[in-house]
């Protein structure tokens, strides 16, 4: 149990300190989230989308605007 809490804390710290540079980082984020799920730390898909959009580099600004103004989820 203590190991699970320690692992969850470590994974959450990795997750929260991510800087998105490329598609490889999105896959790393998804991997961290998958590792957290059995530890009962659940993140919704909606949260992940918004988190990834927030950490996209500046040159993705047109994409972020397009996503945020699109009516569909």
C-alpha atoms as a PDB file:
ATOM      1  CA  UNK A   1       0.000   0.000   0.000  1.00  0.00           C
ATOM      2  CA  UNK A   2       2.776   2.456   0.854  1.00  0.00           C
ATOM      3  CA  UNK A   3       4.520   1.563  -2.406  1.00  0.00           C
ATOM      4  CA  UNK A   4       1.291   2.306  -4.324  1.00  0.00           C
ATOM      5  CA  UNK A   5       0.990   5.735  -2.709  1.00  0.00           C
ATOM      6  CA  UNK A   6       4.629   6.496  -3.412  1.00  0.00           C
ATOM      7  CA  UNK A   7       4.307   5.350  -7.029  1.00  0.00           C
ATOM      8  CA  UNK A   8       1.135   7.398  -7.491  1.00  0.00           C
ATOM      9  CA  UNK A   9       2.883  10.491  -6.106  1.00  0.00           C
ATOM     10  CA  UNK A  10       5.886   9.967  -8.372  1.00  0.00           C
ATOM     11  CA  UNK A  11       3.693   9.498 -11.469  1.00  0.00           C
ATOM     12  CA  UNK A  12       1.577  12.548 -10.633  1.00  0.00           C
ATOM     13  CA  UNK A  13       4.719  14.662 -10.253  1.00  0.00           C
ATOM     14  CA  UNK A  14       5.987  13.417 -13.642  1.00  0.00           C
ATOM     15  CA  UNK A  15       2.591  14.128 -15.190  1.00  0.00           C
ATOM     16  CA  UNK A  16       2.302  17.636 -13.764  1.00  0.00           C
ATOM     17  CA  UNK A  17       5.811  18.632 -14.827  1.00  0.00           C
ATOM     18  CA  UNK A  18       5.433  17.527 -18.464  1.00  0.00           C
ATOM     19  CA  UNK A  19       6.345  19.924 -21.221  1.00  0.00           C
ATOM     20  CA  UNK A  20       4.935  18.934 -24.574  1.00  0.00           C
ATOM     21  CA  UNK A  21       7.494  18.873 -27.337  1.00  0.00           C
ATOM     22  CA  UNK A  22       6.140  16.236 -29.686  1.00  0.00           C
ATOM     23  CA  UNK A  23       3.831  13.275 -30.169  1.00  0.00           C
ATOM     24  CA  UNK A  24       6.204  11.136 -28.103  1.00  0.00           C
ATOM     25  CA  UNK A  25       5.308  13.239 -25.073  1.00  0.00           C
ATOM     26  CA  UNK A  26       1.577  12.700 -25.628  1.00  0.00           C
ATOM     27  CA  UNK A  27       2.232   8.966 -25.601  1.00  0.00           C
ATOM     28  CA  UNK A  28       4.245   9.360 -22.383  1.00  0.00           C
ATOM     29  CA  UNK A  29       1.335  11.245 -20.794  1.00  0.00           C
ATOM     30  CA  UNK A  30      -1.054   8.469 -21.818  1.00  0.00           C
ATOM     31  CA  UNK A  31       1.340   5.905 -20.346  1.00  0.00           C
ATOM     32  CA  UNK A  32       1.481   7.742 -17.012  1.00  0.00           C
ATOM     33  CA  UNK A  33      -2.323   7.952 -16.912  1.00  0.00           C
ATOM     34  CA  UNK A  34      -2.565   4.210 -17.664  1.00  0.00           C
ATOM     35  CA  UNK A  35      -0.185   3.470 -14.790  1.00  0.00           C
ATOM     36  CA  UNK A  36      -2.229   5.639 -12.429  1.00  0.00           C
ATOM     37  CA  UNK A  37      -5.545   3.955 -13.227  1.00  0.00           C
ATOM     38  CA  UNK A  38      -4.876   0.722 -11.258  1.00  0.00           C
ATOM     39  CA  UNK A  39      -3.716   2.924  -8.368  1.00  0.00           C
ATOM     40  CA  UNK A  40      -7.229   4.420  -8.370  1.00  0.00           C
ATOM     41  CA  UNK A  41      -6.052   7.810  -9.642  1.00  0.00           C
ATOM     42  CA  UNK A  42      -8.425   8.381 -12.542  1.00  0.00           C
ATOM     43  CA  UNK A  43      -8.241  11.262 -15.026  1.00  0.00           C
ATOM     44  CA  UNK A  44     -11.016  11.855 -17.511  1.00  0.00           C
ATOM     45  CA  UNK A  45     -10.380  12.045 -21.236  1.00  0.00           C
ATOM     46  CA  UNK A  46     -11.721  15.594 -21.195  1.00  0.00           C
ATOM     47  CA  UNK A  47      -9.164  16.606 -18.559  1.00  0.00           C
ATOM     48  CA  UNK A  48      -6.355  15.028 -20.583  1.00  0.00           C
ATOM     49  CA  UNK A  49      -7.362  16.870 -23.755  1.00  0.00           C
ATOM     50  CA  UNK A  50      -7.423  20.199 -21.936  1.00  0.00           C
ATOM     51  CA  UNK A  51      -4.161  19.467 -20.142  1.00  0.00           C
ATOM     52  CA  UNK A  52      -2.408  18.583 -23.407  1.00  0.00           C
ATOM     53  CA  UNK A  53      -3.801  21.697 -25.097  1.00  0.00           C
ATOM     54  CA  UNK A  54      -2.492  23.815 -22.225  1.00  0.00           C
ATOM     55  CA  UNK A  55       1.039  22.493 -22.547  1.00  0.00           C
ATOM     56  CA  UNK A  56       1.279  22.712 -26.337  1.00  0.00           C
ATOM     57  CA  UNK A  57       4.068  25.007 -27.532  1.00  0.00           C
ATOM     58  CA  UNK A  58       3.180  28.517 -28.706  1.00  0.00           C
ATOM     59  CA  UNK A  59       3.314  27.634 -32.406  1.00  0.00           C
ATOM     60  CA  UNK A  60       0.205  25.458 -31.895  1.00  0.00           C
ATOM     61  CA  UNK A  61      -1.878  28.536 -31.017  1.00  0.00           C
ATOM     62  CA  UNK A  62      -3.970  28.360 -34.238  1.00  0.00           C
ATOM     63  CA  UNK A  63      -4.765  24.700 -33.506  1.00  0.00           C
ATOM     64  CA  UNK A  64      -5.777  25.529 -29.924  1.00  0.00           C
ATOM     65  CA  UNK A  65      -8.038  28.342 -31.119  1.00  0.00           C
ATOM     66  CA  UNK A  66      -9.623  26.065 -33.697  1.00  0.00           C
ATOM     67  CA  UNK A  67     -10.220  23.340 -31.105  1.00  0.00           C
ATOM     68  CA  UNK A  68     -11.653  25.740 -28.541  1.00  0.00           C
ATOM     69  CA  UNK A  69     -14.044  27.363 -31.009  1.00  0.00           C
ATOM     70  CA  UNK A  70     -15.270  24.070 -32.485  1.00  0.00           C
ATOM     71  CA  UNK A  71     -18.808  23.309 -31.290  1.00  0.00           C
ATOM     72  CA  UNK A  72     -18.451  19.524 -30.981  1.00  0.00           C
ATOM     73  CA  UNK A  73     -16.767  17.881 -28.005  1.00  0.00           C
END
